[in-house]
């Protein structure tokens, strides 16, 4: 996760396109090593519907209110907020009591 969060936006060096040399978009960042994570394009916004990229968005999806991971409401709801619903239902359990022993 640290590597992902520290990834550097890069572009092809405009004067050396044939060499495919990458340079950081921000000049104040250091040159990358072979093990650094870099990217050319920003990730698309998966929070909203975008049929062109196959994203159905996250609106209406179930999330885990106690999770800090990708299934957690804060991340899955993309900061839009969320509402919790508590549903209580009574059903006959179709249970039967069978006496099994004596004390």
Protein backbone atom coordinates (compact mmCIF):
# COMPACT_ATOMS: atom_id res chain seq x y z
CA UNK A 1 0.00 0.00 0.00
CA UNK A 2 2.88 2.38 0.75
CA UNK A 3 4.27 1.81 -2.73
CA UNK A 4 0.86 2.50 -4.29
CA UNK A 5 0.34 5.68 -2.26
CA UNK A 6 3.85 6.85 -3.12
CA UNK A 7 3.55 6.20 -6.87
CA UNK A 8 4.90 8.94 -9.12
CA UNK A 9 3.13 10.47 -12.11
CA UNK A 10 5.51 10.43 -15.09
CA UNK A 11 5.51 11.37 -18.76
CA UNK A 12 7.65 10.49 -21.73
CA UNK A 13 10.49 12.96 -22.10
CA UNK A 14 9.22 15.27 -24.87
CA UNK A 15 12.59 15.54 -26.65
CA UNK A 16 13.45 11.85 -26.35
CA UNK A 17 10.28 10.00 -27.33
CA UNK A 18 12.16 7.25 -29.16
CA UNK A 19 14.27 6.47 -26.10
CA UNK A 20 11.08 6.09 -24.04
CA UNK A 21 12.71 7.88 -21.15
CA UNK A 22 10.30 8.75 -18.36
CA UNK A 23 10.50 11.90 -16.29
CA UNK A 24 8.45 12.90 -13.24
CA UNK A 25 5.56 15.30 -13.89
CA UNK A 26 6.72 17.34 -10.91
CA UNK A 27 10.27 18.61 -11.21
CA UNK A 28 10.84 18.52 -7.45
CA UNK A 29 10.59 14.70 -7.40
CA UNK A 30 13.64 12.50 -7.71
CA UNK A 31 14.41 10.23 -10.65
CA UNK A 32 12.80 6.79 -10.32
CA UNK A 33 14.58 3.53 -9.73
CA UNK A 34 13.65 0.21 -11.35
CA UNK A 35 11.59 -0.77 -8.29
CA UNK A 36 9.54 2.45 -7.98
CA UNK A 37 5.88 2.41 -8.96
CA UNK A 38 5.08 4.98 -11.66
CA UNK A 39 2.03 5.77 -13.79
CA UNK A 40 1.33 7.66 -17.02
CA UNK A 41 -2.43 8.17 -16.63
CA UNK A 42 -4.55 8.87 -13.56
CA UNK A 43 -6.94 6.12 -12.50
CA UNK A 44 -10.53 6.63 -13.58
CA UNK A 45 -13.19 7.59 -11.05
CA UNK A 46 -14.89 4.31 -10.18
CA UNK A 47 -17.30 6.05 -7.76
CA UNK A 48 -19.60 7.34 -10.49
CA UNK A 49 -21.20 5.48 -13.38
CA UNK A 50 -19.03 5.47 -16.50
CA UNK A 51 -20.09 2.93 -19.13
CA UNK A 52 -17.08 3.75 -21.32
CA UNK A 53 -14.73 2.16 -18.77
CA UNK A 54 -17.24 -0.40 -17.51
CA UNK A 55 -17.80 1.24 -14.12
CA UNK A 56 -21.26 0.90 -12.61
CA UNK A 57 -20.31 3.24 -9.75
CA UNK A 58 -20.70 2.49 -6.07
CA UNK A 59 -24.08 4.09 -5.34
CA UNK A 60 -26.49 1.63 -3.72
CA UNK A 61 -23.83 -0.97 -2.92
CA UNK A 62 -23.65 -2.64 0.47
CA UNK A 63 -20.67 -1.71 2.58
CA UNK A 64 -19.18 -2.82 5.88
CA UNK A 65 -19.49 0.05 8.40
CA UNK A 66 -16.80 -1.42 10.69
CA UNK A 67 -14.19 -2.12 8.01
CA UNK A 68 -11.26 0.17 7.22
CA UNK A 69 -10.56 -1.82 4.04
CA UNK A 70 -11.89 -1.46 0.50
CA UNK A 71 -15.28 -2.87 1.55
CA UNK A 72 -15.63 -0.19 4.24
CA UNK A 73 -18.31 2.47 3.86
CA UNK A 74 -15.87 5.41 3.93
CA UNK A 75 -13.93 4.09 0.95
CA UNK A 76 -16.72 2.35 -0.98
CA UNK A 77 -19.07 5.34 -0.70
CA UNK A 78 -16.33 7.68 -1.99
CA UNK A 79 -16.83 10.21 0.80
CA UNK A 80 -20.49 10.81 -0.14
CA UNK A 81 -21.67 9.59 3.24
CA UNK A 82 -23.93 6.63 3.82
CA UNK A 83 -26.99 5.63 5.75
CA UNK A 84 -27.37 2.50 7.79
CA UNK A 85 -30.57 0.53 7.94
CA UNK A 86 -31.49 -1.91 10.65
CA UNK A 87 -34.02 -4.52 9.66
CA UNK A 88 -35.73 -6.66 12.25
CA UNK A 89 -37.76 -9.63 11.10
CA UNK A 90 -39.63 -12.31 13.01
CA UNK A 91 -40.04 -15.72 11.50
CA UNK A 92 -41.11 -19.05 12.77
CA UNK A 93 -38.02 -21.13 13.00
CA UNK A 94 -39.74 -24.49 12.43
CA UNK A 95 -37.72 -25.81 15.34
CA UNK A 96 -38.81 -28.84 17.31
CA UNK A 97 -37.82 -29.82 20.81
CA UNK A 98 -36.67 -33.42 21.20
CA UNK A 99 -36.13 -34.70 24.72
CA UNK A 100 -32.83 -36.51 24.70
CA UNK A 101 -31.86 -37.44 28.24
CA UNK A 102 -32.67 -37.49 31.96
CA UNK A 103 -30.84 -35.95 34.88
